Amino acid sequence: MADSTQDTCRGETRTIRFPSHRRSPRKTFPQEAGGGKMNSTGLKELLVKIYWGIRNIKFIVIMEYELRRIIGSRKFKLMLAVMLLPDIMFLLGLGGITPAETGVDICLEEFWRQAEDLILNFWTGLPAQLLAILIASELLAGEYENETFKLLVTKPVKKSGVVLGKWLAFLISMILITLLPLLLLALLISLAYRGYWDALIAILSYDFWAGELTMMVGLTTIGTFTLLFSALLSKSLYAALSSFAIILIYRLLVPSIAWLENPLQYTLSYQLGVILEELGFILPEGRMYEGDIYITLPALYIVNLLFLTVAIVSVFFKEAK
């Protein structure tokens, strides 16, 4: 029988079920019994065994529960609608585009141009950052507000597992929310510049995933930073306001520091530009962002790891009081 934890939020009773600790008797697969190849039944049993093995990892249950909550929230739907606005504007102006040149190469160049501008200035810019902050601010502070955090950290799962599970849920939600706008942009450019199917395949084979990686890194960094405040503060509104205020002040102050040789390179948007250009988003006009992806990506990884670690430590200290 599976363990379960119940909590009440917004007038609804939610049950988080944790897989049982009991081990089922070891099953013998057809290849073990007869020494032959694994048939479809044996493969199915193996996949089921792997699935339940993953479900036995406690933070995966928290991740699944939190991901469903995020996707079903109004904030997620609002963010998706905002992220689709540039595609809608492009679609409305599609009939007025009369390209002088067409083909796969033109589609690729135009995708680099449009995607780089949208990724750096909109899809990971202040509008998207604000909405990502609103989603991430509820990850832990929302549980404190509803007094349900103690129910989550009962016997079946550790405090670190709760934080990690919720962070993974946010990460996956950001991947889902960035896939559709970028995919739609690739499709519209392939149609507008008459590269059609060949151009779409060329974009999806590499450049699409380079853009997706950049968007995911940018929004995840903002979300992890907000998760830290969500762990420190007991109100999601305070967590959202604190993180957004610090990010906004940083964006305004850093470019004005005169003694820095190139102050813009210390901003997140500049480093995301480095990632894009290092991954191949280089226009005929030349590079705009000087840097090394082998420095930028590890640095952002360390920053995210630091924020996540401090969030976990904060939860331990808060619960120890």
Protein backbone atom coordinates (compact mmCIF):
# COMPACT_ATOMS: atom_id res chain seq x y z
CA MET A 1 0.00 0.00 0.00
CA ALA A 2 1.38 3.43 -0.92
CA ASP A 3 2.07 6.15 1.65
CA SER A 4 0.09 9.34 1.18
CA THR A 5 0.07 12.90 2.44
CA GLN A 6 -2.97 15.16 2.36
CA ASP A 7 -3.07 18.94 2.40
CA THR A 8 -5.79 21.52 1.99
CA CYS A 9 -5.27 24.49 -0.36
CA ARG A 10 -7.80 26.95 -1.75
CA GLY A 11 -10.67 24.86 -0.42
CA GLU A 12 -9.51 21.67 -2.13
CA THR A 13 -8.07 18.52 -0.60
CA ARG A 14 -5.04 17.26 -2.48
CA THR A 15 -3.40 13.90 -1.91
CA ILE A 16 0.23 13.23 -2.79
CA ARG A 17 0.79 9.50 -3.00
CA PHE A 18 4.22 8.04 -2.43
CA PRO A 19 5.12 4.61 -3.80
CA SER A 20 5.27 1.72 -1.37
CA HIS A 21 8.61 0.65 0.09
CA ARG A 22 7.73 -3.04 -0.27
CA ARG A 23 9.65 -4.96 -2.85
CA SER A 24 7.75 -7.13 -5.26
CA PRO A 25 9.09 -10.65 -5.90
CA ARG A 26 11.71 -10.77 -8.62
CA LYS A 27 10.20 -11.67 -11.96
CA THR A 28 11.97 -13.87 -14.44
CA PHE A 29 12.04 -12.44 -17.92
CA PRO A 30 11.71 -14.67 -20.96
CA GLN A 31 15.35 -14.29 -21.97
CA GLU A 32 16.43 -15.45 -18.51
CA ALA A 33 14.23 -18.51 -18.59
CA GLY A 34 14.82 -19.66 -22.13
CA GLY A 35 18.07 -17.92 -23.01
CA GLY A 36 16.47 -16.42 -26.12
CA LYS A 37 15.73 -12.88 -27.19
CA MET A 38 13.46 -10.68 -25.10
CA ASN A 39 9.94 -10.75 -26.53
CA SER A 40 7.41 -7.91 -26.37
CA THR A 41 5.99 -9.12 -23.03
CA GLY A 42 9.44 -9.18 -21.44
CA LEU A 43 10.24 -5.71 -22.78
CA LYS A 44 6.95 -4.38 -21.42
CA GLU A 45 7.68 -5.83 -17.99
CA LEU A 46 11.16 -4.32 -18.05
CA LEU A 47 9.80 -0.86 -18.91
CA VAL A 48 7.20 -1.15 -16.13
CA LYS A 49 9.95 -2.12 -13.70
CA ILE A 50 12.06 0.89 -14.74
CA TYR A 51 9.04 3.20 -14.44
CA TRP A 52 8.25 2.13 -10.89
CA GLY A 53 11.94 2.30 -10.01
CA ILE A 54 11.91 5.96 -11.03
CA ARG A 55 8.65 6.58 -9.15
CA ASN A 56 10.31 5.21 -6.00
CA ILE A 57 12.63 8.23 -6.05
CA LYS A 58 10.72 10.47 -3.65
CA PHE A 59 11.53 13.86 -5.14
CA ILE A 60 10.18 12.62 -8.49
CA VAL A 61 6.75 12.35 -6.86
CA ILE A 62 7.07 15.93 -5.59
CA MET A 63 8.20 17.05 -9.06
CA GLU A 64 5.22 15.37 -10.74
CA TYR A 65 2.78 16.91 -8.25
CA GLU A 66 4.29 20.39 -8.57
CA LEU A 67 4.51 20.24 -12.37
CA ARG A 68 0.80 19.48 -12.62
CA ARG A 69 0.06 22.40 -10.31
CA ILE A 70 2.22 24.81 -12.33
CA ILE A 71 0.80 23.78 -15.71
CA GLY A 72 -2.74 24.09 -14.38
CA SER A 73 -2.14 27.56 -12.92
CA ARG A 74 -3.30 30.82 -14.48
CA LYS A 75 0.23 32.25 -14.30
CA PHE A 76 1.57 29.49 -16.56
CA LYS A 77 -1.19 30.07 -19.12
CA LEU A 78 -0.64 33.83 -18.96
CA MET A 79 3.10 33.42 -19.52
CA LEU A 80 2.48 31.10 -22.48
CA ALA A 81 0.11 33.66 -24.02
CA VAL A 82 2.68 36.46 -23.55
CA MET A 83 5.46 34.32 -25.04
CA LEU A 84 3.31 33.72 -28.14
CA LEU A 85 2.68 37.44 -28.77
CA PRO A 86 5.70 37.94 -31.13
CA ASP A 87 4.61 34.92 -33.19
CA ILE A 88 1.08 36.30 -33.44
CA MET A 89 2.42 39.69 -34.60
CA PHE A 90 4.64 37.96 -37.17
CA LEU A 91 1.69 35.89 -38.38
CA LEU A 92 -0.49 38.98 -38.81
CA GLY A 93 2.19 40.60 -40.97
CA LEU A 94 2.97 37.45 -42.94
CA GLY A 95 1.03 38.58 -46.00
CA GLY A 96 3.06 41.78 -46.28
CA ILE A 97 6.44 40.02 -46.45
CA THR A 98 7.84 39.97 -50.01
CA PRO A 99 11.43 38.68 -49.68
CA ALA A 100 13.94 39.60 -52.38
CA GLU A 101 15.64 36.25 -51.84
CA THR A 102 14.22 32.94 -50.74
CA GLY A 103 15.50 29.49 -49.84
CA VAL A 104 16.91 27.49 -46.97
CA ASP A 105 19.95 29.72 -46.37
CA ILE A 106 17.79 32.86 -46.23
CA CYS A 107 15.42 31.14 -43.79
CA LEU A 108 18.32 30.16 -41.54
CA GLU A 109 19.76 33.69 -41.55
CA GLU A 110 16.35 35.22 -40.83
CA PHE A 111 15.74 32.72 -38.03
CA TRP A 112 19.06 33.69 -36.44
CA ARG A 113 18.15 37.37 -36.71
CA GLN A 114 14.59 37.08 -35.39
CA ALA A 115 15.27 34.44 -32.74
CA GLU A 116 18.33 36.21 -31.32
CA ASP A 117 16.43 39.48 -30.96
CA LEU A 118 13.36 37.84 -29.39
CA ILE A 119 15.31 35.53 -27.08
CA LEU A 120 17.51 38.28 -25.64
CA ASN A 121 14.97 41.11 -25.52
CA PHE A 122 11.62 39.42 -24.96
CA TRP A 123 11.59 35.67 -24.30
CA THR A 124 14.26 36.02 -21.60
CA GLY A 125 13.78 39.79 -21.14
CA LEU A 126 11.88 41.61 -18.42
CA PRO A 127 8.35 40.53 -19.51
CA ALA A 128 9.22 36.83 -19.39
CA GLN A 129 11.40 37.28 -16.30
CA LEU A 130 8.53 38.86 -14.38
CA LEU A 131 6.16 35.99 -15.21
CA ALA A 132 8.82 33.37 -14.43
CA ILE A 133 9.37 35.10 -11.08
CA LEU A 134 5.65 34.96 -10.29
CA ILE A 135 5.62 31.20 -10.97
CA ALA A 136 8.84 30.45 -9.05
CA SER A 137 7.89 32.60 -6.05
CA GLU A 138 5.10 30.16 -5.13
CA LEU A 139 7.27 27.03 -5.19
CA LEU A 140 8.14 27.11 -1.47
CA ALA A 141 6.55 30.28 -0.10
CA GLY A 142 3.18 29.04 -1.32
CA GLU A 143 3.53 25.96 0.88
CA TYR A 144 4.43 28.16 3.87
CA GLU A 145 1.43 30.41 3.22
CA ASN A 146 -0.95 27.45 3.10
CA GLU A 147 0.82 25.74 6.03
CA THR A 148 1.32 22.59 3.97
CA PHE A 149 5.13 22.44 3.93
CA LYS A 150 5.33 20.35 7.10
CA LEU A 151 3.04 17.80 5.48
CA LEU A 152 5.44 17.46 2.55
CA VAL A 153 8.51 16.88 4.71
CA THR A 154 7.02 13.96 6.61
CA LYS A 155 8.62 10.51 6.58
CA PRO A 156 8.37 9.68 2.85
CA VAL A 157 10.51 12.60 1.59
CA LYS A 158 13.37 14.79 2.83
CA LYS A 159 13.45 18.59 2.86
CA SER A 160 16.13 18.63 0.17
CA GLY A 161 13.93 16.34 -1.92
CA VAL A 162 11.04 18.80 -1.69
CA VAL A 163 13.22 21.71 -2.87
CA LEU A 164 14.85 19.66 -5.64
CA GLY A 165 11.53 18.25 -6.83
CA LYS A 166 9.95 21.70 -7.03
CA TRP A 167 12.99 23.12 -8.83
CA LEU A 168 12.87 20.31 -11.41
CA ALA A 169 9.16 20.98 -11.92
CA PHE A 170 9.93 24.64 -12.64
CA LEU A 171 12.74 23.64 -15.02
CA ILE A 172 10.46 21.33 -17.01
CA SER A 173 7.67 23.93 -17.08
CA MET A 174 10.08 26.49 -18.57
CA ILE A 175 11.16 23.98 -21.23
CA LEU A 176 7.52 23.38 -22.14
CA ILE A 177 6.68 27.08 -22.20
CA THR A 178 9.58 27.99 -24.51
CA LEU A 179 9.24 25.14 -27.02
CA LEU A 180 6.01 26.32 -28.66
CA PRO A 181 6.94 29.99 -29.35
CA LEU A 182 10.31 29.06 -30.87
CA LEU A 183 8.81 26.21 -32.91
CA LEU A 184 6.07 28.49 -34.25
CA LEU A 185 8.67 31.12 -35.19
CA ALA A 186 10.65 28.51 -37.15
CA LEU A 187 7.49 27.43 -38.99
CA LEU A 188 6.43 30.99 -39.85
CA ILE A 189 9.88 31.95 -41.15
CA SER A 190 10.02 28.78 -43.27
CA LEU A 191 6.70 29.79 -44.86
CA ALA A 192 7.42 33.53 -45.20
CA TYR A 193 10.79 33.06 -46.91
CA ARG A 194 9.63 30.06 -48.95
CA GLY A 195 12.07 27.53 -47.65
CA TYR A 196 9.11 25.38 -46.62
CA TRP A 197 9.78 21.85 -45.38
CA ASP A 198 13.52 21.81 -46.18
CA ALA A 199 14.08 25.05 -44.27
CA LEU A 200 12.03 23.86 -41.29
CA ILE A 201 14.03 20.62 -41.11
CA ALA A 202 17.29 22.59 -41.34
CA ILE A 203 16.23 24.89 -38.50
CA LEU A 204 14.97 22.07 -36.29
CA SER A 205 18.11 19.99 -36.82
CA TYR A 206 20.32 22.34 -34.78
CA ASP A 207 19.52 26.06 -34.54
CA PHE A 208 16.15 25.49 -32.87
CA TRP A 209 17.75 23.51 -30.04
CA ALA A 210 20.52 26.09 -29.62
CA GLY A 211 17.87 28.74 -29.11
CA GLU A 212 15.87 26.50 -26.77
CA LEU A 213 18.96 25.82 -24.63
CA THR A 214 19.64 29.55 -24.32
CA MET A 215 16.06 30.35 -23.31
CA MET A 216 15.99 27.52 -20.80
CA VAL A 217 19.28 28.62 -19.20
CA GLY A 218 18.10 32.23 -18.92
CA LEU A 219 14.67 31.56 -17.41
CA THR A 220 15.96 28.79 -15.14
CA THR A 221 18.59 31.13 -13.69
CA ILE A 222 15.89 33.72 -12.92
CA GLY A 223 13.66 31.01 -11.43
CA THR A 224 16.41 29.55 -9.24
CA PHE A 225 17.24 33.02 -7.94
CA THR A 226 13.55 33.51 -7.08
CA LEU A 227 13.40 30.06 -5.46
CA LEU A 228 16.04 31.27 -3.01
CA PHE A 229 13.75 34.11 -1.88
CA SER A 230 10.80 31.74 -1.88
CA ALA A 231 12.72 29.64 0.67
CA LEU A 232 13.82 32.62 2.76
CA LEU A 233 10.46 34.41 2.90
CA SER A 234 7.10 33.08 3.97
CA LYS A 235 5.02 35.05 1.46
CA SER A 236 5.11 34.46 -2.29
CA LEU A 237 4.38 38.15 -2.93
CA TYR A 238 7.41 39.20 -0.88
CA ALA A 239 9.58 36.65 -2.70
CA ALA A 240 8.42 37.91 -6.10
CA LEU A 241 8.87 41.59 -5.24
CA SER A 242 12.31 41.06 -3.67
CA SER A 243 13.76 39.06 -6.55
CA PHE A 244 12.29 41.32 -9.26
CA ALA A 245 13.50 44.48 -7.48
CA ILE A 246 17.05 43.14 -7.18
CA ILE A 247 17.11 42.00 -10.82
CA LEU A 248 15.76 45.36 -12.02
CA ILE A 249 18.24 47.37 -9.92
CA TYR A 250 21.09 45.18 -11.15
CA ARG A 251 20.07 45.67 -14.79
CA LEU A 252 19.95 49.45 -14.31
CA LEU A 253 23.10 49.92 -12.22
CA VAL A 254 25.65 47.58 -13.79
CA PRO A 255 25.73 49.20 -17.28
CA SER A 256 26.43 52.59 -15.65
CA ILE A 257 29.54 51.48 -13.73
CA ALA A 258 32.25 53.55 -15.41
CA TRP A 259 35.33 51.71 -14.11
CA LEU A 260 34.31 48.43 -15.75
CA GLU A 261 35.81 47.95 -19.22
CA ASN A 262 32.60 46.47 -20.63
CA PRO A 263 29.91 46.52 -17.93
CA LEU A 264 27.26 44.93 -20.15
CA GLN A 265 29.16 41.65 -20.18
CA TYR A 266 28.23 41.22 -16.50
CA THR A 267 24.52 41.04 -17.33
CA LEU A 268 22.56 37.85 -17.97
CA SER A 269 21.29 38.99 -21.39
CA TYR A 270 24.84 39.60 -22.62
CA GLN A 271 25.99 36.15 -21.52
CA LEU A 272 22.96 34.59 -23.21
CA GLY A 273 24.03 36.44 -26.35
CA VAL A 274 27.47 34.85 -25.99
CA ILE A 275 25.86 31.41 -25.80
CA LEU A 276 23.75 32.06 -28.92
CA GLU A 277 26.65 33.32 -31.02
CA GLU A 278 28.99 30.56 -29.84
CA LEU A 279 26.32 28.06 -30.90
CA GLY A 280 26.20 29.51 -34.41
CA PHE A 281 23.80 32.49 -34.36
CA ILE A 282 26.25 34.76 -36.20
CA LEU A 283 24.81 37.26 -38.68
CA PRO A 284 26.69 38.66 -41.71
CA GLU A 285 27.24 41.88 -39.74
CA GLY A 286 29.55 39.96 -37.40
CA ARG A 287 29.58 39.12 -33.70
CA MET A 288 28.05 41.45 -31.13
CA TYR A 289 28.87 39.49 -27.96
CA GLU A 290 32.46 38.61 -27.15
CA GLY A 291 32.97 35.70 -24.80
CA ASP A 292 33.56 31.98 -24.42
CA ILE A 293 30.73 29.49 -24.01
CA TYR A 294 33.08 27.20 -22.04
CA ILE A 295 33.28 29.93 -19.40
CA THR A 296 29.70 31.21 -19.57
CA LEU A 297 27.86 27.88 -19.24
CA PRO A 298 29.93 26.54 -16.28
CA ALA A 299 29.63 29.94 -14.57
CA LEU A 300 25.82 29.94 -14.91
CA TYR A 301 25.74 26.32 -13.74
CA ILE A 302 27.70 27.24 -10.61
CA VAL A 303 25.43 30.25 -9.97
CA ASN A 304 22.30 28.08 -10.24
CA LEU A 305 23.85 25.41 -8.02
CA LEU A 306 24.75 28.05 -5.43
CA PHE A 307 21.22 29.50 -5.38
CA LEU A 308 19.72 26.01 -5.10
CA THR A 309 22.08 25.00 -2.29
CA VAL A 310 21.35 28.15 -0.28
CA ALA A 311 17.62 27.55 -0.77
CA ILE A 312 17.95 24.01 0.62
CA VAL A 313 20.01 25.23 3.59
CA SER A 314 17.45 27.99 4.25
CA VAL A 315 14.65 25.42 4.38
CA PHE A 316 16.60 23.31 6.89
CA PHE A 317 17.23 26.31 9.16
CA LYS A 318 13.64 27.54 8.89
CA GLU A 319 12.21 24.14 9.79
CA ALA A 320 14.71 23.74 12.64
CA LYS A 321 13.33 26.82 14.44
